[in-house]
């Protein structure tokens, strides 16, 4: 399976890649389980005895084929993981990164401010969200590749967070009639989740 460039990347295309990744993981696990159940071996046990003859207690031919299939699937899995990472990077970079320096950036007030699709309910001190500068009451108008146009629910934001651990995500918020650009880095910390804040969907 050759790696293909991410052309026309959308959130839907990245989700499709994630579904393929999960299907591969399921198939790999099934093959591992089959090896153990039918032959009592995994990927590393020897297939010959002490005298270098093929073992008589296992089906060597089937074990070799299963191991080959697992290795091929694992290679496909690595490629898809790379495509997912590349796709998310492209989606995030499409948000004009020059305007997303760390710390709040006050944008010029347009005549028509964008409408938020979610709002910040609470922010825990010391969390990644707190470090990024998010505050209760902020209206989210952009979270990485998530916008009002493609927002379907908080699971859209969760998807970006889960696949951006340790990487900066561009976030645009409305605060006191100003549009601010922030960068949040989802990561493990002393509290729950990767953000440390509670978001609520805005009523349409």
Protein backbone atom coordinates (compact mmCIF):
# COMPACT_ATOMS: atom_id res chain seq x y z
CA UNK A 1 0.00 0.00 0.00
CA UNK A 2 1.68 3.20 -1.20
CA UNK A 3 1.24 6.45 0.68
CA UNK A 4 -0.84 8.92 -1.28
CA UNK A 5 -0.77 12.69 -0.82
CA UNK A 6 -3.70 14.20 1.01
CA UNK A 7 -5.55 16.09 -1.73
CA UNK A 8 -8.84 17.83 -1.03
CA UNK A 9 -8.64 16.98 2.65
CA UNK A 10 -11.87 17.39 4.61
CA UNK A 11 -12.92 16.36 8.09
CA UNK A 12 -15.08 13.67 6.49
CA UNK A 13 -12.08 12.23 4.62
CA UNK A 14 -10.05 12.14 7.83
CA UNK A 15 -12.92 10.38 9.62
CA UNK A 16 -12.97 7.81 6.81
CA UNK A 17 -9.27 7.20 7.37
CA UNK A 18 -9.89 6.73 11.08
CA UNK A 19 -12.61 4.18 10.31
CA UNK A 20 -10.16 2.30 8.05
CA UNK A 21 -7.54 2.42 10.80
CA UNK A 22 -9.97 0.98 13.32
CA UNK A 23 -11.01 -1.76 10.87
CA UNK A 24 -7.35 -2.70 10.39
CA UNK A 25 -6.79 -2.79 14.14
CA UNK A 26 -9.77 -5.12 14.53
CA UNK A 27 -8.53 -7.43 11.77
CA UNK A 28 -4.99 -7.51 13.22
CA UNK A 29 -6.38 -8.43 16.64
CA UNK A 30 -8.54 -11.17 15.11
CA UNK A 31 -5.50 -12.70 13.40
CA UNK A 32 -3.50 -12.53 16.63
CA UNK A 33 -6.33 -14.26 18.50
CA UNK A 34 -6.61 -16.92 15.79
CA UNK A 35 -2.89 -17.68 16.04
CA UNK A 36 -3.13 -18.11 19.78
CA UNK A 37 -6.30 -20.21 19.72
CA UNK A 38 -5.35 -22.56 16.89
CA UNK A 39 -1.60 -22.86 17.36
CA UNK A 40 -0.74 -21.35 20.73
CA UNK A 41 1.88 -19.02 19.22
CA UNK A 42 2.24 -15.35 18.50
CA UNK A 43 4.52 -13.39 16.20
CA UNK A 44 7.89 -14.30 17.72
CA UNK A 45 7.91 -17.96 18.75
CA UNK A 46 10.23 -20.24 16.70
CA UNK A 47 8.68 -22.46 14.04
CA UNK A 48 11.42 -25.10 14.21
CA UNK A 49 12.37 -27.50 16.96
CA UNK A 50 15.73 -27.94 18.68
CA UNK A 51 17.02 -29.89 15.66
CA UNK A 52 15.88 -27.21 13.19
CA UNK A 53 13.00 -29.32 11.86
CA UNK A 54 9.55 -27.74 11.39
CA UNK A 55 7.57 -28.07 14.58
CA UNK A 56 5.05 -30.89 14.49
CA UNK A 57 2.77 -29.42 17.17
CA UNK A 58 1.61 -26.48 15.05
CA UNK A 59 0.49 -25.82 11.47
CA UNK A 60 3.67 -24.06 10.34
CA UNK A 61 2.23 -23.14 6.94
CA UNK A 62 -0.83 -21.41 8.44
CA UNK A 63 1.25 -19.67 11.09
CA UNK A 64 3.61 -18.25 8.48
CA UNK A 65 0.71 -17.04 6.35
CA UNK A 66 -1.03 -15.47 9.35
CA UNK A 67 2.17 -13.72 10.41
CA UNK A 68 2.70 -12.43 6.89
CA UNK A 69 -0.87 -11.10 6.77
CA UNK A 70 -0.44 -9.39 10.16
CA UNK A 71 2.80 -7.71 9.04
CA UNK A 72 1.12 -6.45 5.84
CA UNK A 73 -1.81 -5.08 7.83
CA UNK A 74 0.53 -3.43 10.32
CA UNK A 75 2.36 -1.71 7.45
CA UNK A 76 -0.97 -0.49 6.06
CA UNK A 77 -1.85 0.74 9.56
CA UNK A 78 1.35 2.81 9.74
CA UNK A 79 0.60 4.40 6.37
CA UNK A 80 -2.95 5.30 7.38
CA UNK A 81 -1.74 6.77 10.68
CA UNK A 82 0.61 8.98 8.66
CA UNK A 83 -2.22 10.03 6.36
CA UNK A 84 -4.42 10.92 9.35
CA UNK A 85 -1.66 13.03 10.89
CA UNK A 86 -0.97 14.72 7.55
CA UNK A 87 -4.67 15.37 6.96
CA UNK A 88 -5.17 16.94 10.38
CA UNK A 89 -2.08 19.09 9.85
CA UNK A 90 -3.47 20.33 6.51
CA UNK A 91 -6.89 21.04 8.00
CA UNK A 92 -5.38 23.01 10.88
CA UNK A 93 -2.97 24.92 8.63
CA UNK A 94 -5.85 26.07 6.44
CA UNK A 95 -6.88 28.47 9.21
CA UNK A 96 -4.23 31.09 8.33
CA UNK A 97 -1.65 30.28 11.03
CA UNK A 98 -0.13 33.77 10.90
CA UNK A 99 -3.05 35.02 13.01
CA UNK A 100 -2.65 32.33 15.66
CA UNK A 101 0.31 33.30 17.76
CA UNK A 102 0.33 32.07 21.33
CA UNK A 103 -1.67 34.27 23.62
CA UNK A 104 -4.78 36.25 22.68
CA UNK A 105 -4.73 38.30 19.50
CA UNK A 106 -7.43 40.96 19.13
CA UNK A 107 -8.81 41.09 15.60
CA UNK A 108 -10.28 44.17 13.99
CA UNK A 109 -13.99 44.21 14.67
CA UNK A 110 -15.89 43.31 11.49
CA UNK A 111 -19.36 44.67 10.88
CA UNK A 112 -20.81 41.19 11.20
CA UNK A 113 -19.14 39.04 13.82
CA UNK A 114 -19.11 35.27 13.23
CA UNK A 115 -21.67 33.26 15.17
CA UNK A 116 -20.30 30.82 17.77
CA UNK A 117 -21.32 27.17 17.60
CA UNK A 118 -20.15 26.34 21.14
CA UNK A 119 -19.32 28.17 24.34
CA UNK A 120 -16.89 27.62 27.20
CA UNK A 121 -18.75 26.74 30.39
CA UNK A 122 -15.91 26.13 32.87
CA UNK A 123 -12.11 26.11 32.73
CA UNK A 124 -9.97 24.34 35.33
CA UNK A 125 -6.93 26.21 36.60
CA UNK A 126 -3.67 24.72 35.38
CA UNK A 127 -5.31 22.88 32.51
CA UNK A 128 -4.27 23.14 28.84
CA UNK A 129 -7.37 25.25 28.18
CA UNK A 130 -6.41 27.60 31.02
CA UNK A 131 -2.84 27.86 29.75
CA UNK A 132 -4.12 28.71 26.27
CA UNK A 133 -6.20 31.58 27.68
CA UNK A 134 -9.69 30.18 27.30
CA UNK A 135 -12.21 31.68 29.72
CA UNK A 136 -15.78 30.85 30.76
CA UNK A 137 -18.20 32.60 28.48
CA UNK A 138 -15.96 32.50 25.41
CA UNK A 139 -17.90 31.70 22.26
CA UNK A 140 -16.13 29.20 20.01
CA UNK A 141 -16.28 30.21 16.33
CA UNK A 142 -13.41 28.00 15.17
CA UNK A 143 -11.70 24.96 16.71
CA UNK A 144 -9.02 23.69 14.37
CA UNK A 145 -10.89 22.59 11.26
CA UNK A 146 -14.31 22.77 12.98
CA UNK A 147 -16.44 25.75 11.96
CA UNK A 148 -20.09 26.71 12.16
CA UNK A 149 -20.56 25.31 8.65
CA UNK A 150 -19.40 21.78 9.48
CA UNK A 151 -20.21 21.62 13.21
CA UNK A 152 -22.65 18.82 14.00
CA UNK A 153 -22.00 18.33 17.70
CA UNK A 154 -19.33 18.37 20.39
CA UNK A 155 -18.04 15.07 19.01
CA UNK A 156 -16.52 17.12 16.16
CA UNK A 157 -14.35 18.98 18.67
CA UNK A 158 -13.57 15.78 20.55
CA UNK A 159 -12.35 14.23 17.31
CA UNK A 160 -9.89 17.08 16.72
CA UNK A 161 -8.73 17.00 20.36
CA UNK A 162 -8.12 13.24 20.40
CA UNK A 163 -6.11 13.33 17.19
CA UNK A 164 -4.11 16.45 18.07
CA UNK A 165 -2.59 15.41 21.41
CA UNK A 166 0.64 17.33 21.98
CA UNK A 167 0.05 19.62 18.98
CA UNK A 168 -1.20 23.18 18.81
CA UNK A 169 -4.81 23.63 17.70
CA UNK A 170 -5.94 27.01 16.43
CA UNK A 171 -9.01 28.25 18.31
CA UNK A 172 -11.02 31.38 17.54
CA UNK A 173 -13.27 32.77 20.23
CA UNK A 174 -15.65 35.69 20.67
CA UNK A 175 -15.05 37.56 23.91
CA UNK A 176 -16.51 40.96 24.80
CA UNK A 177 -17.36 41.57 21.13
CA UNK A 178 -13.75 40.92 20.12
CA UNK A 179 -12.55 38.02 17.99
CA UNK A 180 -9.50 36.40 19.57
CA UNK A 181 -7.07 33.83 18.22
CA UNK A 182 -5.66 31.31 20.70
CA UNK A 183 -3.57 28.16 20.47
CA UNK A 184 -4.48 25.25 22.72
CA UNK A 185 -2.34 22.12 23.04
CA UNK A 186 -4.44 19.07 24.04
CA UNK A 187 -2.37 16.96 26.42
CA UNK A 188 -2.47 14.86 29.55
CA UNK A 189 -2.28 16.88 32.76
CA UNK A 190 -3.22 16.40 36.41
CA UNK A 191 -6.95 16.65 35.73
CA UNK A 192 -9.46 14.90 33.48
CA UNK A 193 -9.42 14.93 29.71
CA UNK A 194 -6.94 16.59 27.37
CA UNK A 195 -8.34 20.13 27.63
CA UNK A 196 -9.58 20.70 31.16
CA UNK A 197 -12.65 22.67 30.19
CA UNK A 198 -16.33 22.02 29.58
CA UNK A 199 -17.85 23.13 26.29
CA UNK A 200 -21.54 23.47 25.55
CA UNK A 201 -23.17 23.59 22.12
CA UNK A 202 -24.89 26.85 21.33
CA UNK A 203 -28.62 26.74 20.72
CA UNK A 204 -29.51 27.28 17.09
